[in-house]
Amino acid sequence: MRNDIMIDSSLMSDMLAPFLVSLKLATATTLCLLFFATPVAYWLAKPSRGRIIARVKVVLMGIIAMPLVLPPTVIGFYLLLLLSPSAGIGHYLHEHNISPLIFTFEGLVVGSIIYSLPFYIQPSYAQFLRIPQSVTEVAHLLEPSRLRRFVKVALPQARVGIILGSLVSFAHTIGEFGVVLMIGGSISGETKVVSIAIYEQVEALNYEAAHMMSGILIIMGVVMVALIASVSRMSQRP
């Protein structure tokens, strides 16, 4: 009886750790997108005065949207090359005695930000576009500071899109597999997220544990979809 209890507690511990890593990763990714991707979405949505800037924005939007059309393993593969000590950013970090990003939680955050970027940018960008021209003109007259106009006018006007982008990015990060597997591997308590844990349980023919973890993900997914649908209805109101 005691052995069964010990086995069950060990199994629960093995199941809990990947969920904690996934939640930690989704939270860190969403917060980074909030701080860094929101100004990018605002800049992309602003009218461009010159043709060059307008073309740059079109190209940038295309680059940001690449994770929507490329397989996660392709993005993960090139991120692995970019972050490896033999080339790219990883080589620079290695030369300056900085810890590498591959097979670390920090590396997972970098990969998740890149892969979740379009899921955050698109709803935020769309909401910034919906800001009435009259509101923008009044803000220009009353507030000379660009930063204050962004904080006091643009952000409140686009809050629904920002919330929607945050929810979609959070939910998307929870279910990531290909990118995190390529650049993070499966280090327990560090880079093993719940999707990888489920895959390993299926490989080990431990379907009971896979069912339990998948069931929890399904419940979380239903909750997230309900929240996203609710916020989406808010964005459609005039």
C-alpha atoms as a PDB file:
ATOM      1  CA  MET A   1       0.000   0.000   0.000  1.00  0.00           C
ATOM      2  CA  ARG A   2       2.783   2.396   0.921  1.00  0.00           C
ATOM      3  CA  ASN A   3       4.613   1.581  -2.304  1.00  0.00           C
ATOM      4  CA  ASP A   4       1.482   2.473  -4.291  1.00  0.00           C
ATOM      5  CA  ILE A   5       1.229   5.787  -2.445  1.00  0.00           C
ATOM      6  CA  MET A   6       4.899   6.505  -3.115  1.00  0.00           C
ATOM      7  CA  ILE A   7       4.482   5.674  -6.806  1.00  0.00           C
ATOM      8  CA  ASP A   8       1.393   7.873  -7.035  1.00  0.00           C
ATOM      9  CA  SER A   9       3.117  10.792  -5.312  1.00  0.00           C
ATOM     10  CA  SER A  10       6.141  10.397  -7.582  1.00  0.00           C
ATOM     11  CA  LEU A  11       3.875  10.351 -10.636  1.00  0.00           C
ATOM     12  CA  MET A  12       2.040  13.460  -9.439  1.00  0.00           C
ATOM     13  CA  SER A  13       5.365  15.219  -8.912  1.00  0.00           C
ATOM     14  CA  ASP A  14       6.505  14.262 -12.413  1.00  0.00           C
ATOM     15  CA  MET A  15       3.228  15.588 -13.805  1.00  0.00           C
ATOM     16  CA  LEU A  16       3.209  18.810 -11.788  1.00  0.00           C
ATOM     17  CA  ALA A  17       6.710  19.970 -12.745  1.00  0.00           C
ATOM     18  CA  PRO A  18       5.994  20.266 -16.518  1.00  0.00           C
ATOM     19  CA  PHE A  19       2.798  22.209 -15.819  1.00  0.00           C
ATOM     20  CA  LEU A  20       4.707  24.650 -13.634  1.00  0.00           C
ATOM     21  CA  VAL A  21       7.364  25.100 -16.328  1.00  0.00           C
ATOM     22  CA  SER A  22       4.665  25.672 -18.967  1.00  0.00           C
ATOM     23  CA  LEU A  23       2.824  28.221 -16.821  1.00  0.00           C
ATOM     24  CA  LYS A  24       6.086  29.982 -15.992  1.00  0.00           C
ATOM     25  CA  LEU A  25       7.056  30.043 -19.664  1.00  0.00           C
ATOM     26  CA  ALA A  26       3.652  31.328 -20.793  1.00  0.00           C
ATOM     27  CA  THR A  27       3.686  34.064 -18.148  1.00  0.00           C
ATOM     28  CA  ALA A  28       7.219  35.215 -18.981  1.00  0.00           C
ATOM     29  CA  THR A  29       6.501  35.171 -22.734  1.00  0.00           C
ATOM     30  CA  THR A  30       3.267  37.138 -22.372  1.00  0.00           C
ATOM     31  CA  LEU A  31       4.863  39.770 -20.133  1.00  0.00           C
ATOM     32  CA  CYS A  32       7.753  40.233 -22.560  1.00  0.00           C
ATOM     33  CA  LEU A  33       5.326  40.621 -25.450  1.00  0.00           C
ATOM     34  CA  LEU A  34       3.304  43.173 -23.476  1.00  0.00           C
ATOM     35  CA  PHE A  35       6.334  45.361 -22.843  1.00  0.00           C
ATOM     36  CA  PHE A  36       8.188  44.990 -26.142  1.00  0.00           C
ATOM     37  CA  ALA A  37       5.642  44.015 -28.813  1.00  0.00           C
ATOM     38  CA  THR A  38       2.948  46.555 -27.895  1.00  0.00           C
ATOM     39  CA  PRO A  39       5.033  49.569 -29.064  1.00  0.00           C
ATOM     40  CA  VAL A  40       5.876  47.630 -32.247  1.00  0.00           C
ATOM     41  CA  ALA A  41       2.173  47.019 -32.963  1.00  0.00           C
ATOM     42  CA  TYR A  42       1.452  50.712 -32.321  1.00  0.00           C
ATOM     43  CA  TRP A  43       4.229  51.810 -34.689  1.00  0.00           C
ATOM     44  CA  LEU A  44       3.055  49.410 -37.395  1.00  0.00           C
ATOM     45  CA  ALA A  45      -0.490  50.754 -37.134  1.00  0.00           C
ATOM     46  CA  LYS A  46       0.527  54.416 -37.375  1.00  0.00           C
ATOM     47  CA  PRO A  47       0.148  56.017 -40.827  1.00  0.00           C
ATOM     48  CA  SER A  48       3.470  56.209 -42.669  1.00  0.00           C
ATOM     49  CA  ARG A  49       4.528  59.485 -44.258  1.00  0.00           C
ATOM     50  CA  GLY A  50       7.176  58.036 -46.558  1.00  0.00           C
ATOM     51  CA  ARG A  51       7.068  55.138 -48.998  1.00  0.00           C
ATOM     52  CA  ILE A  52      10.242  53.587 -47.604  1.00  0.00           C
ATOM     53  CA  ILE A  53       8.838  53.384 -44.071  1.00  0.00           C
ATOM     54  CA  ALA A  54       5.581  51.968 -45.425  1.00  0.00           C
ATOM     55  CA  ARG A  55       7.463  49.254 -47.325  1.00  0.00           C
ATOM     56  CA  VAL A  56       9.593  48.468 -44.277  1.00  0.00           C
ATOM     57  CA  LYS A  57       6.419  47.982 -42.266  1.00  0.00           C
ATOM     58  CA  VAL A  58       4.993  45.616 -44.884  1.00  0.00           C
ATOM     59  CA  VAL A  59       8.189  43.543 -44.877  1.00  0.00           C
ATOM     60  CA  LEU A  60       8.275  43.509 -41.073  1.00  0.00           C
ATOM     61  CA  MET A  61       4.649  42.379 -40.905  1.00  0.00           C
ATOM     62  CA  GLY A  62       5.524  39.548 -43.277  1.00  0.00           C
ATOM     63  CA  ILE A  63       8.479  38.475 -41.146  1.00  0.00           C
ATOM     64  CA  ILE A  64       6.405  38.598 -37.968  1.00  0.00           C
ATOM     65  CA  ALA A  65       3.726  36.425 -39.608  1.00  0.00           C
ATOM     66  CA  MET A  66       6.183  33.678 -40.635  1.00  0.00           C
ATOM     67  CA  PRO A  67       5.406  31.466 -37.589  1.00  0.00           C
ATOM     68  CA  LEU A  68       1.831  31.250 -38.879  1.00  0.00           C
ATOM     69  CA  VAL A  69       2.902  29.453 -42.050  1.00  0.00           C
ATOM     70  CA  LEU A  70       6.141  27.671 -41.118  1.00  0.00           C
ATOM     71  CA  PRO A  71       6.219  24.397 -39.146  1.00  0.00           C
ATOM     72  CA  PRO A  72       7.375  24.896 -35.541  1.00  0.00           C
ATOM     73  CA  THR A  73      10.272  22.488 -36.111  1.00  0.00           C
ATOM     74  CA  VAL A  74      11.643  24.701 -38.899  1.00  0.00           C
ATOM     75  CA  ILE A  75      11.619  27.761 -36.661  1.00  0.00           C
ATOM     76  CA  GLY A  76      13.066  25.730 -33.796  1.00  0.00           C
ATOM     77  CA  PHE A  77      15.825  24.357 -36.029  1.00  0.00           C
ATOM     78  CA  TYR A  78      17.008  27.789 -37.149  1.00  0.00           C
ATOM     79  CA  LEU A  79      16.735  29.152 -33.630  1.00  0.00           C
ATOM     80  CA  LEU A  80      18.885  26.231 -32.506  1.00  0.00           C
ATOM     81  CA  LEU A  81      21.518  27.180 -35.080  1.00  0.00           C
ATOM     82  CA  LEU A  82      21.273  30.860 -34.179  1.00  0.00           C
ATOM     83  CA  LEU A  83      21.643  30.256 -30.440  1.00  0.00           C
ATOM     84  CA  SER A  84      24.241  27.468 -30.613  1.00  0.00           C
ATOM     85  CA  PRO A  85      27.795  28.305 -29.463  1.00  0.00           C
ATOM     86  CA  SER A  86      29.192  27.601 -32.936  1.00  0.00           C
ATOM     87  CA  ALA A  87      27.355  30.378 -34.787  1.00  0.00           C
ATOM     88  CA  GLY A  88      25.190  33.483 -34.540  1.00  0.00           C
ATOM     89  CA  ILE A  89      24.175  34.917 -31.195  1.00  0.00           C
ATOM     90  CA  GLY A  90      25.320  31.805 -29.358  1.00  0.00           C
ATOM     91  CA  HIS A  91      28.852  32.246 -30.720  1.00  0.00           C
ATOM     92  CA  TYR A  92      28.916  35.853 -29.484  1.00  0.00           C
ATOM     93  CA  LEU A  93      27.740  34.785 -26.027  1.00  0.00           C
ATOM     94  CA  HIS A  94      30.336  32.004 -25.941  1.00  0.00           C
ATOM     95  CA  GLU A  95      33.167  34.387 -26.866  1.00  0.00           C
ATOM     96  CA  HIS A  96      32.160  36.756 -24.068  1.00  0.00           C
ATOM     97  CA  ASN A  97      31.812  33.950 -21.489  1.00  0.00           C
ATOM     98  CA  ILE A  98      28.050  34.383 -21.222  1.00  0.00           C
ATOM     99  CA  SER A  99      25.909  31.346 -20.540  1.00  0.00           C
ATOM    100  CA  PRO A 100      24.385  29.887 -23.735  1.00  0.00           C
ATOM    101  CA  LEU A 101      20.658  30.108 -24.317  1.00  0.00           C
ATOM    102  CA  ILE A 102      20.064  26.666 -25.823  1.00  0.00           C
ATOM    103  CA  PHE A 103      18.692  24.040 -23.434  1.00  0.00           C
ATOM    104  CA  THR A 104      17.881  26.726 -20.843  1.00  0.00           C
ATOM    105  CA  PHE A 105      14.629  28.280 -19.683  1.00  0.00           C
ATOM    106  CA  GLU A 106      15.803  31.671 -20.950  1.00  0.00           C
ATOM    107  CA  GLY A 107      16.272  30.151 -24.396  1.00  0.00           C
ATOM    108  CA  LEU A 108      12.719  28.819 -24.252  1.00  0.00           C
ATOM    109  CA  VAL A 109      11.466  32.331 -23.518  1.00  0.00           C
ATOM    110  CA  VAL A 110      13.335  33.721 -26.538  1.00  0.00           C
ATOM    111  CA  GLY A 111      11.945  31.014 -28.812  1.00  0.00           C
ATOM    112  CA  SER A 112       8.407  31.392 -27.447  1.00  0.00           C
ATOM    113  CA  ILE A 113       8.463  35.164 -27.956  1.00  0.00           C
ATOM    114  CA  ILE A 114       9.442  34.735 -31.602  1.00  0.00           C
ATOM    115  CA  TYR A 115       6.917  31.962 -32.216  1.00  0.00           C
ATOM    116  CA  SER A 116       4.056  33.717 -30.372  1.00  0.00           C
ATOM    117  CA  LEU A 117       4.785  37.187 -31.765  1.00  0.00           C
ATOM    118  CA  PRO A 118       2.135  37.161 -34.549  1.00  0.00           C
ATOM    119  CA  PHE A 119      -0.513  35.895 -32.144  1.00  0.00           C
ATOM    120  CA  TYR A 120       0.056  39.009 -30.023  1.00  0.00           C
ATOM    121  CA  ILE A 121       0.837  41.560 -32.730  1.00  0.00           C
ATOM    122  CA  GLN A 122      -2.182  40.933 -34.955  1.00  0.00           C
ATOM    123  CA  PRO A 123      -5.027  41.652 -32.480  1.00  0.00           C
ATOM    124  CA  SER A 124      -3.096  44.552 -30.932  1.00  0.00           C
ATOM    125  CA  TYR A 125      -2.314  45.985 -34.367  1.00  0.00           C
ATOM    126  CA  ALA A 126      -5.946  45.661 -35.448  1.00  0.00           C
ATOM    127  CA  GLN A 127      -7.139  47.490 -32.343  1.00  0.00           C
ATOM    128  CA  PHE A 128      -4.628  50.315 -32.791  1.00  0.00           C
ATOM    129  CA  LEU A 129      -5.941  50.703 -36.346  1.00  0.00           C
ATOM    130  CA  ARG A 130      -9.463  51.144 -34.964  1.00  0.00           C
ATOM    131  CA  ILE A 131      -8.545  54.265 -32.985  1.00  0.00           C
ATOM    132  CA  PRO A 132     -10.610  57.073 -34.539  1.00  0.00           C
ATOM    133  CA  GLN A 133      -8.657  59.705 -36.438  1.00  0.00           C
ATOM    134  CA  SER A 134     -10.440  62.411 -34.428  1.00  0.00           C
ATOM    135  CA  VAL A 135      -9.066  60.978 -31.184  1.00  0.00           C
ATOM    136  CA  THR A 136      -5.542  60.955 -32.619  1.00  0.00           C
ATOM    137  CA  GLU A 137      -5.839  64.557 -33.812  1.00  0.00           C
ATOM    138  CA  VAL A 138      -7.106  65.803 -30.446  1.00  0.00           C
ATOM    139  CA  ALA A 139      -4.289  63.925 -28.689  1.00  0.00           C
ATOM    140  CA  HIS A 140      -1.735  65.655 -30.939  1.00  0.00           C
ATOM    141  CA  LEU A 141      -3.181  69.048 -30.029  1.00  0.00           C
ATOM    142  CA  LEU A 142      -3.401  68.476 -26.277  1.00  0.00           C
ATOM    143  CA  GLU A 143      -0.294  66.348 -25.648  1.00  0.00           C
ATOM    144  CA  PRO A 144       3.007  67.178 -27.388  1.00  0.00           C
ATOM    145  CA  SER A 145       4.870  64.177 -25.925  1.00  0.00           C
ATOM    146  CA  ARG A 146       4.712  61.035 -28.074  1.00  0.00           C
ATOM    147  CA  LEU A 147       5.287  58.805 -25.069  1.00  0.00           C
ATOM    148  CA  ARG A 148       2.429  60.364 -23.128  1.00  0.00           C
ATOM    149  CA  ARG A 149       0.114  60.116 -26.146  1.00  0.00           C
ATOM    150  CA  PHE A 150       0.983  56.442 -26.389  1.00  0.00           C
ATOM    151  CA  VAL A 151       0.432  55.780 -22.683  1.00  0.00           C
ATOM    152  CA  LYS A 152      -2.586  58.004 -22.039  1.00  0.00           C
ATOM    153  CA  VAL A 153      -4.454  57.736 -25.348  1.00  0.00           C
ATOM    154  CA  ALA A 154      -3.340  54.823 -27.532  1.00  0.00           C
ATOM    155  CA  LEU A 155      -3.045  52.142 -24.846  1.00  0.00           C
ATOM    156  CA  PRO A 156      -6.495  52.732 -23.288  1.00  0.00           C
ATOM    157  CA  GLN A 157      -8.069  52.838 -26.760  1.00  0.00           C
ATOM    158  CA  ALA A 158      -6.415  49.529 -27.737  1.00  0.00           C
ATOM    159  CA  ARG A 159      -6.783  47.733 -24.399  1.00  0.00           C
ATOM    160  CA  VAL A 160      -9.224  45.128 -25.772  1.00  0.00           C
ATOM    161  CA  GLY A 161      -6.803  44.101 -28.517  1.00  0.00           C
ATOM    162  CA  ILE A 162      -3.902  44.009 -26.064  1.00  0.00           C
ATOM    163  CA  ILE A 163      -5.858  41.793 -23.669  1.00  0.00           C
ATOM    164  CA  LEU A 164      -6.950  39.540 -26.522  1.00  0.00           C
ATOM    165  CA  GLY A 165      -3.385  39.259 -27.821  1.00  0.00           C
ATOM    166  CA  SER A 166      -2.134  38.439 -24.323  1.00  0.00           C
ATOM    167  CA  LEU A 167      -4.702  35.670 -23.844  1.00  0.00           C
ATOM    168  CA  VAL A 168      -4.043  34.138 -27.259  1.00  0.00           C
ATOM    169  CA  SER A 169      -0.253  34.284 -26.734  1.00  0.00           C
ATOM    170  CA  PHE A 170      -0.555  32.735 -23.268  1.00  0.00           C
ATOM    171  CA  ALA A 171      -2.759  29.903 -24.535  1.00  0.00           C
ATOM    172  CA  HIS A 172      -0.529  29.352 -27.562  1.00  0.00           C
ATOM    173  CA  THR A 173       2.607  29.141 -25.429  1.00  0.00           C
ATOM    174  CA  ILE A 174       1.034  26.562 -23.101  1.00  0.00           C
ATOM    175  CA  GLY A 175       0.600  24.190 -26.040  1.00  0.00           C
ATOM    176  CA  GLU A 176       3.963  24.726 -27.750  1.00  0.00           C
ATOM    177  CA  PHE A 177       5.897  21.616 -28.722  1.00  0.00           C
ATOM    178  CA  GLY A 178       8.172  21.820 -31.761  1.00  0.00           C
ATOM    179  CA  VAL A 179      10.044  25.028 -30.953  1.00  0.00           C
ATOM    180  CA  VAL A 180      10.577  24.259 -27.270  1.00  0.00           C
ATOM    181  CA  LEU A 181      11.701  20.707 -28.021  1.00  0.00           C
ATOM    182  CA  MET A 182      14.299  21.883 -30.553  1.00  0.00           C
ATOM    183  CA  ILE A 183      15.909  24.592 -28.414  1.00  0.00           C
ATOM    184  CA  GLY A 184      15.087  23.369 -24.921  1.00  0.00           C
ATOM    185  CA  GLY A 185      15.159  19.595 -25.019  1.00  0.00           C
ATOM    186  CA  SER A 186      13.573  17.815 -22.089  1.00  0.00           C
ATOM    187  CA  ILE A 187      15.303  18.831 -18.859  1.00  0.00           C
ATOM    188  CA  SER A 188      13.029  18.108 -15.904  1.00  0.00           C
ATOM    189  CA  GLY A 189      12.101  21.232 -13.948  1.00  0.00           C
ATOM    190  CA  GLU A 190      13.935  23.478 -16.428  1.00  0.00           C
ATOM    191  CA  THR A 191      12.785  22.996 -20.031  1.00  0.00           C
ATOM    192  CA  LYS A 192      10.370  20.051 -19.966  1.00  0.00           C
ATOM    193  CA  VAL A 193       6.978  21.613 -20.680  1.00  0.00           C
ATOM    194  CA  VAL A 194       3.695  19.750 -20.453  1.00  0.00           C
ATOM    195  CA  SER A 195       3.436  19.014 -24.200  1.00  0.00           C
ATOM    196  CA  ILE A 196       6.820  17.279 -24.134  1.00  0.00           C
ATOM    197  CA  ALA A 197       5.877  15.418 -20.952  1.00  0.00           C
ATOM    198  CA  ILE A 198       2.728  14.077 -22.635  1.00  0.00           C
ATOM    199  CA  TYR A 199       4.760  12.942 -25.652  1.00  0.00           C
ATOM    200  CA  GLU A 200       7.217  11.113 -23.394  1.00  0.00           C
ATOM    201  CA  GLN A 201       4.402   9.404 -21.482  1.00  0.00           C
ATOM    202  CA  VAL A 202       2.881   8.197 -24.759  1.00  0.00           C
ATOM    203  CA  GLU A 203       6.281   6.905 -25.898  1.00  0.00           C
ATOM    204  CA  ALA A 204       6.551   5.004 -22.609  1.00  0.00           C
ATOM    205  CA  LEU A 205       3.026   3.581 -23.177  1.00  0.00           C
ATOM    206  CA  ASN A 206       1.917   5.254 -19.937  1.00  0.00           C
ATOM    207  CA  TYR A 207      -1.453   6.260 -21.323  1.00  0.00           C
ATOM    208  CA  GLU A 208      -3.002   6.901 -17.902  1.00  0.00           C
ATOM    209  CA  ALA A 209      -0.599   9.750 -17.153  1.00  0.00           C
ATOM    210  CA  ALA A 210      -0.931  11.056 -20.713  1.00  0.00           C
ATOM    211  CA  HIS A 211      -4.726  11.056 -20.340  1.00  0.00           C
ATOM    212  CA  MET A 212      -4.554  12.947 -17.055  1.00  0.00           C
ATOM    213  CA  MET A 213      -2.218  15.642 -18.364  1.00  0.00           C
ATOM    214  CA  SER A 214      -4.125  15.955 -21.623  1.00  0.00           C
ATOM    215  CA  GLY A 215      -7.393  16.261 -19.712  1.00  0.00           C
ATOM    216  CA  ILE A 216      -6.010  19.131 -17.637  1.00  0.00           C
ATOM    217  CA  LEU A 217      -4.818  20.848 -20.818  1.00  0.00           C
ATOM    218  CA  ILE A 218      -8.264  20.421 -22.371  1.00  0.00           C
ATOM    219  CA  ILE A 219      -9.898  22.054 -19.340  1.00  0.00           C
ATOM    220  CA  MET A 220      -7.397  24.903 -19.458  1.00  0.00           C
ATOM    221  CA  GLY A 221      -8.020  25.235 -23.191  1.00  0.00           C
ATOM    222  CA  VAL A 222     -11.791  25.476 -22.731  1.00  0.00           C
ATOM    223  CA  VAL A 223     -11.338  28.206 -20.105  1.00  0.00           C
ATOM    224  CA  MET A 224      -8.918  30.139 -22.331  1.00  0.00           C
ATOM    225  CA  VAL A 225     -11.208  29.833 -25.370  1.00  0.00           C
ATOM    226  CA  ALA A 226     -14.135  31.131 -23.312  1.00  0.00           C
ATOM    227  CA  LEU A 227     -12.062  34.109 -22.151  1.00  0.00           C
ATOM    228  CA  ILE A 228     -10.829  34.819 -25.681  1.00  0.00           C
ATOM    229  CA  ALA A 229     -14.374  34.636 -27.071  1.00  0.00           C
ATOM    230  CA  SER A 230     -15.619  36.990 -24.378  1.00  0.00           C
ATOM    231  CA  VAL A 231     -12.892  39.549 -25.074  1.00  0.00           C
ATOM    232  CA  SER A 232     -13.396  39.145 -28.824  1.00  0.00           C
ATOM    233  CA  ARG A 233     -17.072  40.088 -28.433  1.00  0.00           C
ATOM    234  CA  MET A 234     -15.975  43.191 -26.557  1.00  0.00           C
ATOM    235  CA  SER A 235     -13.700  44.177 -29.467  1.00  0.00           C
ATOM    236  CA  GLN A 236     -16.642  44.005 -31.887  1.00  0.00           C
ATOM    237  CA  ARG A 237     -18.707  46.508 -29.955  1.00  0.00           C
ATOM    238  CA  PRO A 238     -18.845  49.989 -31.489  1.00  0.00           C
END
